[in-house]
């Protein structure tokens, strides 16, 4: 039987990360993980509200975001100067477009900073009207804020079943990426399995495959 590349597997694949429970989906928080919390929007006009999280170095998650849509020339706007103003740039919407913002009511979605900019490159994120130069809502990135980043750990290899990877990467507190993963598919009952400690134990956590 030939080896499977990134195939659905049914064997105990143990990924033990000794340094942090954060990296293996072991948070003791209520509710699902949304990324590293930045804060709530400051609201000045047009019913702007919501929370914002950093998913990774370039991605923002807006939770329960609202805006009444009545601005004339309003965009998601970010910048590196001290406060929101004309010196900034448009952040594309959830569809990757730079259209004038329409109404949002209690929406959850992600935004990606353009031109390979990182969250550490900006000081604030705002709902800003270019025509009137008014800030309808904003949030300041805390000084020294460190968004979640990809962490590479040792290669995964196995003594049986032809298990190999080129790299194992921790994308954030919920996601693990196995690069160029192979497994021969011959085990009868096997799973992706994670935990903390020096050795694999049965009290670990079963991790769904790429299909959930």
Protein backbone atom coordinates (compact mmCIF):
# COMPACT_ATOMS: atom_id res chain seq x y z
CA UNK A 1 0.00 0.00 0.00
CA UNK A 2 1.45 3.33 -1.01
CA UNK A 3 1.93 6.21 1.41
CA UNK A 4 -0.80 8.83 1.73
CA UNK A 5 0.08 12.50 1.34
CA UNK A 6 -2.01 14.67 3.70
CA UNK A 7 -4.61 11.91 3.69
CA UNK A 8 -7.33 11.35 6.29
CA UNK A 9 -5.68 9.36 9.03
CA UNK A 10 -6.92 7.03 11.75
CA UNK A 11 -3.95 6.44 13.97
CA UNK A 12 -2.62 8.06 17.16
CA UNK A 13 -0.44 10.87 15.87
CA UNK A 14 1.03 12.42 18.99
CA UNK A 15 2.07 16.04 18.83
CA UNK A 16 3.52 16.94 22.20
CA UNK A 17 4.44 20.55 22.78
CA UNK A 18 6.34 20.88 26.01
CA UNK A 19 6.56 24.62 26.27
CA UNK A 20 3.02 25.98 26.31
CA UNK A 21 -0.57 24.84 26.64
CA UNK A 22 -1.41 27.78 24.39
CA UNK A 23 0.00 26.00 21.39
CA UNK A 24 -2.13 22.90 21.68
CA UNK A 25 -5.68 24.13 21.98
CA UNK A 26 -5.76 23.88 25.81
CA UNK A 27 -7.04 27.31 26.73
CA UNK A 28 -9.08 27.54 29.87
CA UNK A 29 -11.34 30.25 28.49
CA UNK A 30 -15.08 30.30 28.18
CA UNK A 31 -16.25 30.09 24.58
CA UNK A 32 -14.29 29.67 21.37
CA UNK A 33 -10.90 31.22 20.77
CA UNK A 34 -10.98 34.30 18.52
CA UNK A 35 -7.34 35.38 18.55
CA UNK A 36 -5.51 37.77 20.86
CA UNK A 37 -7.91 40.39 22.17
CA UNK A 38 -7.11 44.02 21.37
CA UNK A 39 -10.16 45.77 22.79
CA UNK A 40 -13.48 47.47 22.08
CA UNK A 41 -14.09 50.21 19.55
CA UNK A 42 -14.29 53.76 20.84
CA UNK A 43 -17.57 55.01 19.37
CA UNK A 44 -18.03 58.66 18.34
CA UNK A 45 -20.63 58.67 15.55
CA UNK A 46 -22.92 56.44 13.48
CA UNK A 47 -23.40 53.72 16.10
CA UNK A 48 -19.99 52.12 15.65
CA UNK A 49 -19.43 49.29 18.13
CA UNK A 50 -17.75 45.92 18.45
CA UNK A 51 -14.67 44.06 19.63
CA UNK A 52 -11.47 43.44 17.74
CA UNK A 53 -8.96 40.59 17.95
CA UNK A 54 -5.63 39.84 16.27
CA UNK A 55 -5.82 36.45 14.54
CA UNK A 56 -2.26 36.57 13.26
CA UNK A 57 0.33 39.16 12.22
CA UNK A 58 -1.85 40.57 9.43
CA UNK A 59 -5.43 39.56 10.20
CA UNK A 60 -8.00 41.32 12.38
CA UNK A 61 -11.21 39.71 13.57
CA UNK A 62 -14.13 42.07 14.19
CA UNK A 63 -16.75 40.61 16.52
CA UNK A 64 -20.30 41.91 16.89
CA UNK A 65 -19.37 44.87 14.71
CA UNK A 66 -22.00 47.49 13.96
CA UNK A 67 -22.04 50.70 11.90
CA UNK A 68 -25.17 52.45 10.59
CA UNK A 69 -23.82 52.90 7.04
CA UNK A 70 -24.70 56.60 6.81
CA UNK A 71 -21.21 57.98 6.21
CA UNK A 72 -20.59 59.56 2.81
CA UNK A 73 -17.10 58.24 2.09
CA UNK A 74 -16.36 55.84 4.92
CA UNK A 75 -13.81 53.01 5.03
CA UNK A 76 -11.94 50.69 7.32
CA UNK A 77 -8.83 52.80 7.90
CA UNK A 78 -5.49 52.24 9.64
CA UNK A 79 -2.27 54.13 10.11
CA UNK A 80 1.03 54.55 11.90
CA UNK A 81 0.75 58.21 12.92
CA UNK A 82 -0.39 59.06 16.44
CA UNK A 83 -4.13 59.37 15.75
CA UNK A 84 -6.64 58.70 12.96
CA UNK A 85 -6.61 61.29 10.19
CA UNK A 86 -5.86 61.75 6.49
CA UNK A 87 -2.50 60.02 6.88
CA UNK A 88 -3.65 56.44 6.74
CA UNK A 89 -4.68 53.69 4.33
CA UNK A 90 -7.80 51.76 3.42
CA UNK A 91 -8.11 48.25 4.80
CA UNK A 92 -10.13 46.10 2.35
CA UNK A 93 -13.41 44.69 3.62
CA UNK A 94 -14.12 41.01 4.30
CA UNK A 95 -14.51 40.43 0.54
CA UNK A 96 -11.18 42.08 -0.24
CA UNK A 97 -12.88 45.15 -1.72
CA UNK A 98 -12.27 48.83 -1.01
CA UNK A 99 -15.85 50.01 -1.50
CA UNK A 100 -17.49 52.62 0.72
CA UNK A 101 -18.79 50.81 3.80
CA UNK A 102 -22.42 49.81 3.95
CA UNK A 103 -24.46 49.08 7.07
CA UNK A 104 -23.25 46.41 9.48
CA UNK A 105 -25.26 45.07 12.39
CA UNK A 106 -23.67 42.71 14.89
CA UNK A 107 -21.42 41.10 12.25
CA UNK A 108 -18.37 38.85 12.71
CA UNK A 109 -15.69 38.86 9.99
CA UNK A 110 -11.96 39.10 9.35
CA UNK A 111 -9.95 41.79 7.60
CA UNK A 112 -6.43 41.44 6.22
CA UNK A 113 -4.05 44.38 6.18
CA UNK A 114 -2.97 45.22 2.61
CA UNK A 115 0.49 45.29 1.04
CA UNK A 116 1.94 42.80 3.54
CA UNK A 117 1.53 45.32 6.37
CA UNK A 118 1.47 43.87 9.88
CA UNK A 119 -0.51 44.79 12.96
CA UNK A 120 2.78 45.81 14.59
CA UNK A 121 3.16 48.43 11.81
CA UNK A 122 0.02 50.34 12.80
CA UNK A 123 -0.97 52.38 15.86
CA UNK A 124 -4.72 52.41 15.34
CA UNK A 125 -7.61 51.01 13.35
CA UNK A 126 -10.64 53.17 12.59
CA UNK A 127 -13.94 53.64 10.84
CA UNK A 128 -13.03 56.84 9.02
CA UNK A 129 -14.80 59.14 6.58
CA UNK A 130 -12.32 60.54 4.06
CA UNK A 131 -14.65 63.26 2.70
CA UNK A 132 -15.44 64.82 6.09
CA UNK A 133 -12.19 63.67 7.74
CA UNK A 134 -14.21 62.43 10.70
CA UNK A 135 -13.47 59.35 12.77
CA UNK A 136 -16.67 57.49 13.57
CA UNK A 137 -14.96 54.88 15.75
CA UNK A 138 -11.45 53.72 16.49
CA UNK A 139 -9.24 51.48 18.55
CA UNK A 140 -5.60 51.97 19.46
CA UNK A 141 -3.14 49.10 19.28
CA UNK A 142 -1.50 48.82 22.73
CA UNK A 143 2.19 49.67 22.80
CA UNK A 144 4.26 46.52 22.61
CA UNK A 145 1.31 44.46 21.43
CA UNK A 146 2.43 41.11 20.00
CA UNK A 147 -0.09 39.37 17.72
CA UNK A 148 -0.10 35.59 17.42
CA UNK A 149 2.67 34.38 15.13
CA UNK A 150 3.51 31.10 13.44
CA UNK A 151 5.80 28.94 15.58
CA UNK A 152 7.84 26.17 13.99
CA UNK A 153 8.70 23.16 16.11
CA UNK A 154 10.73 20.00 15.54
CA UNK A 155 9.97 17.69 12.64
CA UNK A 156 7.42 14.96 13.25
CA UNK A 157 8.74 11.46 12.57
CA UNK A 158 7.47 8.03 13.57
CA UNK A 159 9.06 4.65 14.16
CA UNK A 160 6.25 2.90 12.30
CA UNK A 161 3.73 3.57 9.53
CA UNK A 162 6.09 5.78 7.49
CA UNK A 163 5.17 8.97 9.35
CA UNK A 164 7.08 12.06 8.22
CA UNK A 165 6.64 15.82 7.82
CA UNK A 166 8.85 18.55 6.46
CA UNK A 167 7.74 20.87 9.29
CA UNK A 168 5.15 21.25 12.05
CA UNK A 169 3.86 24.79 12.51
CA UNK A 170 1.68 26.29 15.24
CA UNK A 171 -0.40 28.87 13.38
CA UNK A 172 -2.28 30.14 16.42
CA UNK A 173 -3.88 28.77 19.59
CA UNK A 174 -6.31 26.64 17.58
CA UNK A 175 -4.51 25.57 14.41
CA UNK A 176 -1.63 23.23 13.64
CA UNK A 177 -0.20 22.84 10.13
CA UNK A 178 1.64 19.68 9.05
CA UNK A 179 3.70 20.39 5.95
CA UNK A 180 4.25 17.55 3.48
CA UNK A 181 2.74 15.04 5.87
CA UNK A 182 2.87 11.36 4.93
CA UNK A 183 1.45 8.24 6.57
CA UNK A 184 0.95 4.76 5.12
CA UNK A 185 -2.69 4.40 6.28
CA UNK A 186 -2.28 0.90 7.67
CA UNK A 187 -3.23 1.40 11.34
CA UNK A 188 -6.79 0.35 12.25
CA UNK A 189 -7.61 2.91 14.93
CA UNK A 190 -5.51 6.03 15.01
CA UNK A 191 -6.01 9.75 15.53
CA UNK A 192 -4.28 13.08 15.72
CA UNK A 193 -3.63 13.44 19.46
CA UNK A 194 -2.19 16.29 21.51
CA UNK A 195 -1.30 17.00 25.11
CA UNK A 196 1.25 18.45 27.49
CA UNK A 197 4.04 16.74 29.37
CA UNK A 198 7.20 14.83 28.63
CA UNK A 199 5.52 11.69 27.27
CA UNK A 200 2.29 10.83 25.40
CA UNK A 201 -0.56 9.75 27.68
CA UNK A 202 -4.11 8.54 27.14
CA UNK A 203 -5.49 11.70 28.77
CA UNK A 204 -4.62 13.78 25.73
CA UNK A 205 -7.04 15.47 23.34
CA UNK A 206 -8.22 14.06 20.02
CA UNK A 207 -7.77 16.64 17.25
CA UNK A 208 -10.11 16.61 14.23
CA UNK A 209 -8.49 16.20 10.83
CA UNK A 210 -8.54 18.88 8.11
CA UNK A 211 -12.18 18.06 7.37
CA UNK A 212 -13.25 18.50 10.99
